[in-house]
Protein backbone atom coordinates (compact mmCIF):
# COMPACT_ATOMS: atom_id res chain seq x y z
CA MET A 1 0.14 0.08 0.21
CA ARG A 2 1.20 3.57 -0.78
CA LYS A 3 -0.49 6.80 -1.19
CA THR A 4 0.07 10.81 -0.93
CA ILE A 5 -1.30 12.26 2.31
CA GLN A 6 -2.36 15.44 2.96
CA THR A 7 -1.31 17.35 6.12
CA LEU A 8 -1.46 20.69 7.59
CA ASN A 9 1.99 20.93 6.83
CA GLY A 10 2.05 19.56 3.25
CA ALA A 11 2.10 16.43 1.18
CA VAL A 12 3.37 13.12 2.69
CA PHE A 13 4.15 10.27 0.63
CA VAL A 14 3.41 7.20 2.98
CA ALA A 15 4.19 3.40 1.89
CA GLY A 16 3.52 -0.14 4.18
CA LYS A 17 4.06 -3.66 3.03
CA GLY A 18 2.03 -6.42 4.87
CA LYS A 19 2.71 -10.08 4.88
CA LYS A 20 1.45 -13.54 5.69
CA CYS A 21 1.63 -15.90 8.31
CA ALA A 22 4.75 -18.40 6.25
CA ASN A 23 4.58 -20.96 9.86
CA SER A 24 2.22 -23.84 8.64
CA GLU A 25 2.13 -24.87 12.50
CA CYS A 26 0.59 -21.52 13.09
CA GLU A 27 -3.08 -21.45 13.66
CA TYR A 28 -2.84 -18.26 11.69
CA PHE A 29 -1.59 -19.33 8.75
CA GLY A 30 -1.75 -17.44 5.59
CA LYS A 31 -3.14 -14.56 7.31
CA HIS A 32 -2.45 -11.55 5.81
CA TYR A 33 -1.15 -8.71 7.99
CA LEU A 34 -1.75 -5.34 7.35
CA ALA A 35 1.39 -2.81 7.86
CA TYR A 36 -1.11 -0.66 10.45
CA GLY A 37 1.93 1.95 10.98
CA VAL A 38 0.24 3.97 8.24
CA LEU A 39 -2.32 4.49 10.32
CA LYS A 40 -0.71 6.66 12.37
CA TYR A 41 -0.76 9.22 9.34
CA SER A 42 -4.50 8.41 8.20
CA LEU A 43 -7.23 6.15 8.13
CA PRO A 44 -7.49 3.57 5.52
CA GLN A 45 -9.20 4.36 2.06
CA SER A 46 -8.08 8.24 3.25
CA THR A 47 -5.67 10.69 1.98
CA TYR A 48 -5.80 12.98 4.45
CA GLY A 49 -3.95 13.11 7.60
CA LEU A 50 -5.00 12.91 11.18
CA ASP A 51 -4.17 16.42 11.82
CA VAL A 52 -6.71 17.59 9.14
CA LEU A 53 -9.27 15.51 10.70
CA ALA A 54 -8.83 17.05 14.31
CA PHE A 55 -8.64 20.33 12.49
CA ILE A 56 -11.62 20.18 11.44
CA GLY A 57 -13.84 19.02 14.09
CA TRP A 58 -11.96 21.06 16.32
CA GLN A 59 -13.49 24.60 13.97
CA HIS A 60 -16.29 23.15 13.78
CA GLU A 61 -17.21 21.81 17.30
CA HIS A 62 -15.30 24.82 19.03
CA GLU A 63 -15.09 27.53 16.95
CA HIS A 64 -18.60 27.44 15.50
CA GLN A 65 -17.50 27.12 11.70
CA GLN A 66 -19.54 25.87 9.16
CA LEU A 67 -18.03 23.12 6.52
CA VAL A 68 -17.35 26.03 3.62
CA GLU A 69 -15.55 28.18 6.29
CA ILE A 70 -13.44 25.45 7.68
CA GLN A 71 -12.93 24.48 3.32
CA ARG A 72 -12.08 28.01 2.70
CA SER A 73 -8.89 27.89 5.79
CA LEU A 74 -8.11 24.29 4.63
CA ASN A 75 -7.82 25.45 1.16
CA GLN A 76 -5.86 28.94 2.55
CA ARG A 77 -2.80 26.23 4.35
CA GLY A 78 -2.69 24.79 0.58
CA VAL A 79 -4.99 21.29 1.67
CA GLU A 80 -6.66 20.99 -2.04
CA ILE A 81 -10.54 20.36 -0.40
CA ASN A 82 -13.90 20.56 -1.49
CA GLU A 83 -16.93 21.20 1.11
CA SER A 84 -18.68 17.75 0.86
CA ASN A 85 -15.35 16.32 1.51
CA VAL A 86 -14.94 18.08 4.41
CA GLY A 87 -18.25 16.87 5.91
CA LYS A 88 -17.20 13.28 4.87
CA LEU A 89 -13.70 13.91 7.40
CA TYR A 90 -16.17 15.34 9.62
CA ARG A 91 -17.90 12.29 10.30
CA GLN A 92 -14.98 10.22 10.75
CA PHE A 93 -13.78 12.42 13.10
CA LEU A 94 -17.44 11.72 15.07
CA ALA A 95 -16.29 8.35 14.53
CA LEU A 96 -12.90 8.75 16.24
CA LEU A 97 -13.90 11.11 18.91
CA GLY A 98 -17.26 8.49 20.47
CA GLY A 99 -14.28 5.50 20.11
CA ALA A 100 -12.37 7.56 22.57
CA ILE A 101 -15.04 9.08 24.76
CA ALA A 102 -15.06 7.27 27.75
CA HIS A 103 -18.70 8.27 29.29
CA THR A 104 -21.18 7.41 26.04
CA GLN A 105 -23.23 5.54 28.18
CA GLU A 106 -23.79 7.91 30.21
CA LYS A 107 -24.50 10.57 27.36
CA LEU A 108 -26.91 7.92 26.01
CA ALA A 109 -29.11 7.35 29.70
CA ALA A 110 -29.21 10.75 30.01
CA THR A 111 -30.74 11.47 27.07
CA ALA A 112 -33.00 8.17 27.25
CA VAL A 113 -34.44 10.28 30.77
CA LEU A 114 -34.84 13.76 28.47
CA HIS A 115 -36.60 12.86 25.81
CA GLY A 116 -38.17 9.52 26.89
CA GLY A 117 -35.43 7.01 24.38
CA LEU A 118 -33.14 7.23 21.77
CA ILE A 119 -33.36 7.72 18.43
CA TRP A 120 -30.26 5.65 16.23
CA ALA A 121 -28.76 6.59 13.06
CA ILE A 122 -26.60 5.02 10.23
CA ASP A 123 -24.66 6.93 7.65
CA ALA A 124 -22.35 5.66 5.13
CA LEU A 125 -19.01 7.28 4.08
CA GLN A 126 -16.80 6.19 1.42
CA PRO A 127 -14.13 8.80 1.75
CA GLU A 128 -12.61 8.47 -2.16
CA GLY A 129 -15.64 7.74 -3.72
CA HIS A 130 -14.98 3.88 -3.71
CA GLY A 131 -13.72 1.19 -2.26
CA THR A 132 -14.45 0.18 1.89
CA LEU A 133 -17.41 1.70 3.35
CA LEU A 134 -17.21 3.46 6.75
CA TYR A 135 -20.83 3.10 8.85
CA VAL A 136 -20.97 4.99 11.98
CA LEU A 137 -23.88 4.57 13.89
CA TYR A 138 -24.68 7.63 15.98
CA GLU A 139 -27.78 8.89 18.50
CA VAL A 140 -29.55 11.95 16.98
CA LEU A 141 -31.37 13.21 19.87
CA SER A 142 -28.03 14.30 21.58
CA GLY A 143 -25.41 14.23 18.46
CA THR A 144 -23.75 11.10 20.06
CA PRO A 145 -21.57 9.52 17.76
CA VAL A 146 -20.88 5.81 19.37
CA CYS A 147 -19.25 3.11 17.04
CA ALA A 148 -17.99 2.70 13.72
CA VAL A 149 -17.44 -0.12 11.55
CA GLN A 150 -15.96 -0.64 8.02
CA LEU A 151 -16.86 -2.89 5.62
CA PRO A 152 -15.97 -3.81 1.71
CA GLN A 153 -19.54 -4.21 0.99
CA ALA A 154 -23.14 -3.00 1.80
CA GLN A 155 -24.46 -6.25 4.09
CA ALA A 156 -27.30 -6.49 5.92
CA GLU A 157 -26.43 -9.51 7.43
CA ARG A 158 -22.65 -8.15 8.79
CA LEU A 159 -24.81 -4.54 10.18
CA ILE A 160 -27.21 -6.51 12.15
CA GLU A 161 -24.05 -8.15 13.68
CA TRP A 162 -22.45 -4.80 14.16
CA LEU A 163 -25.49 -3.74 15.71
CA GLN A 164 -25.94 -5.96 18.26
CA PRO A 165 -24.59 -4.84 20.93
CA TYR A 166 -26.50 -1.77 21.33
CA LYS A 167 -30.01 -3.72 20.50
CA GLU A 168 -28.87 -4.91 23.94
CA LEU A 169 -28.94 -1.71 25.47
CA PRO A 170 -32.07 -0.82 28.36
CA TYR A 171 -33.46 2.03 26.63
CA THR A 172 -36.25 2.57 24.43
CA VAL A 173 -35.98 3.30 20.94
CA LEU A 174 -38.53 6.05 19.11
CA ALA A 175 -37.15 5.74 15.43
CA THR A 176 -34.29 4.90 13.57
CA LEU A 177 -32.76 7.61 10.15
CA SER A 178 -30.66 6.76 7.61
CA ASP A 179 -30.36 7.00 3.59
CA GLY A 180 -32.30 4.74 1.02
CA GLU A 181 -29.69 2.33 1.50
CA SER A 182 -31.58 -1.10 1.70
CA ALA A 183 -29.07 -3.04 3.93
CA ILE A 184 -28.66 -0.36 6.71
CA ILE A 185 -32.73 -0.31 6.64
CA ALA A 186 -32.78 -4.54 6.57
CA ALA A 187 -30.20 -4.28 9.79
CA MET A 188 -32.07 -1.35 11.56
CA ASN A 189 -35.57 -2.80 11.06
CA SER A 190 -34.17 -6.21 12.00
CA SER A 191 -32.53 -4.67 15.02
CA TRP A 192 -35.43 -2.22 16.11
CA PRO A 193 -38.81 -3.67 14.73
CA ASN A 194 -40.55 -2.04 17.01
CA ALA A 195 -38.99 1.38 16.15
CA PRO A 196 -40.73 3.23 12.76
CA HIS A 197 -37.94 3.96 10.14
CA GLN A 198 -37.48 7.64 8.48
CA ARG A 199 -35.13 8.66 5.94
CA CYS A 200 -32.79 11.13 6.20
CA GLN A 201 -34.47 14.24 4.64
CA ALA A 202 -31.12 15.38 3.40
CA HIS A 203 -30.66 12.28 1.40
CA PHE A 204 -34.31 12.42 0.53
CA LEU A 205 -33.65 15.63 -0.85
CA SER A 206 -30.51 15.24 -2.58
CA ASN A 207 -32.18 12.31 -4.21
CA LEU A 208 -35.21 14.13 -5.28
CA SER A 209 -32.62 17.22 -7.23
CA GLU A 210 -30.80 14.16 -8.83
CA ALA A 211 -33.83 13.65 -11.44
CA ILE A 212 -34.56 17.43 -11.52
CA LEU A 213 -31.03 18.40 -11.87
CA PRO A 214 -30.45 17.19 -15.48
CA LEU A 215 -34.52 18.99 -16.37
CA ASP A 216 -32.77 22.28 -15.09
CA THR A 217 -29.99 22.09 -16.77
CA LYS A 218 -31.55 21.11 -19.91
CA LEU A 219 -34.41 24.33 -19.47
CA ARG A 220 -31.57 26.96 -18.62
CA GLN A 221 -29.97 26.22 -21.62
CA GLN A 222 -33.11 26.59 -23.49
CA LEU A 223 -33.80 29.58 -22.57
CA LYS A 224 -30.06 31.19 -23.00
CA ALA A 225 -30.62 30.22 -26.57
CA ASP A 226 -33.79 32.24 -26.69
CA LEU A 227 -33.46 34.94 -25.18
CA ASP A 228 -29.55 35.36 -27.23
CA GLY A 229 -31.90 36.31 -29.77
CA LEU A 230 -33.56 38.99 -28.32
CA PRO A 231 -32.01 42.39 -28.53
CA LYS A 232 -30.90 43.93 -25.87
CA ILE A 233 -31.05 46.48 -23.14
CA PRO A 234 -30.44 49.54 -23.87
CA GLU A 235 -28.03 51.09 -21.41
CA SER A 236 -30.17 54.84 -22.43
CA SER A 237 -32.97 56.09 -23.63
CA GLU A 238 -32.45 56.50 -27.30
CA ARG A 239 -35.70 58.73 -27.79
CA PRO A 240 -34.28 62.02 -28.68
CA LYS A 241 -34.06 64.82 -25.99
CA ASP A 242 -36.65 67.84 -26.58
CA PRO A 243 -34.48 71.04 -26.10
CA SER A 244 -37.26 73.26 -25.36
CA SER A 245 -38.67 70.40 -23.08
CA GLN A 246 -35.32 69.98 -21.21
CA GLN A 247 -35.05 74.64 -20.44
CA GLN A 248 -38.51 74.40 -19.28
CA GLN A 249 -37.57 71.24 -16.84
CA ASP A 250 -34.21 72.42 -15.71
CA ASN A 251 -36.53 76.49 -15.07
CA THR A 252 -39.31 74.25 -12.43
CA PRO A 253 -38.99 75.55 -9.13
CA PHE A 254 -37.70 73.31 -7.13
CA PHE A 255 -41.00 73.61 -4.38
CA GLN A 256 -42.97 72.92 -7.45
CA GLU A 257 -41.42 69.81 -7.78
CA PHE A 258 -41.84 68.63 -3.72
CA PRO A 259 -44.45 70.98 -2.53
CA ILE A 260 -44.43 71.57 1.26
CA CYS A 261 -47.50 69.97 3.32
CA HIS A 262 -48.36 72.49 5.48
CA GLN A 263 -51.07 71.28 8.71
CA THR A 264 -53.01 73.12 10.68
């Protein structure tokens, strides 16, 4: 494995060589071991450094900056990134943060008492648009990231197995939330069959716009082609001015043009 990673201090090239157990008498014979030292610099399937994730998380959580503001800050630092990838890296930051928080159970318990239950949501991310999927489980009402798992492809059975420990938590589940991926919906319905499931409105509206966007683009192009044939609007009046009327207008007293209203 080799890749170039963008960090706050510039680009860094890293490489890792995996190995297989060659001991035929070992129970792990033939098992492939990755070079996990590379994870000190970036997450798998990601070309952004962990310092970039930390920067995004800090700016959003503590400086209360919007994703587009964080994007501009990173661009000024020489990191090539768009707003969409800033959002994906922020989700990864939450997943890492969730694994490091020791009081997650306390937050979930407090949320269940305050709202009468929890709302579970799963978001699937592809850091580079392809390859391994990163699934993040978080609680909606408290915004608490709980855990994450990486899978090579969407598998309902694997997701159900992953959700098993959280299915056994002693909290009422008010609802579940996800995008339209069938594997996620099947896993959540299997894990919490009595909780209503709802599609994320952001994903739903995005899916709607995907069908409308080509038609809208075609309409704008057609309107542009039709309107280009019309004469341009003149910047000033093309009607010749009457010198006498202009002189009469110039001689009009100011108080007649703007009469003063007297109240009694």
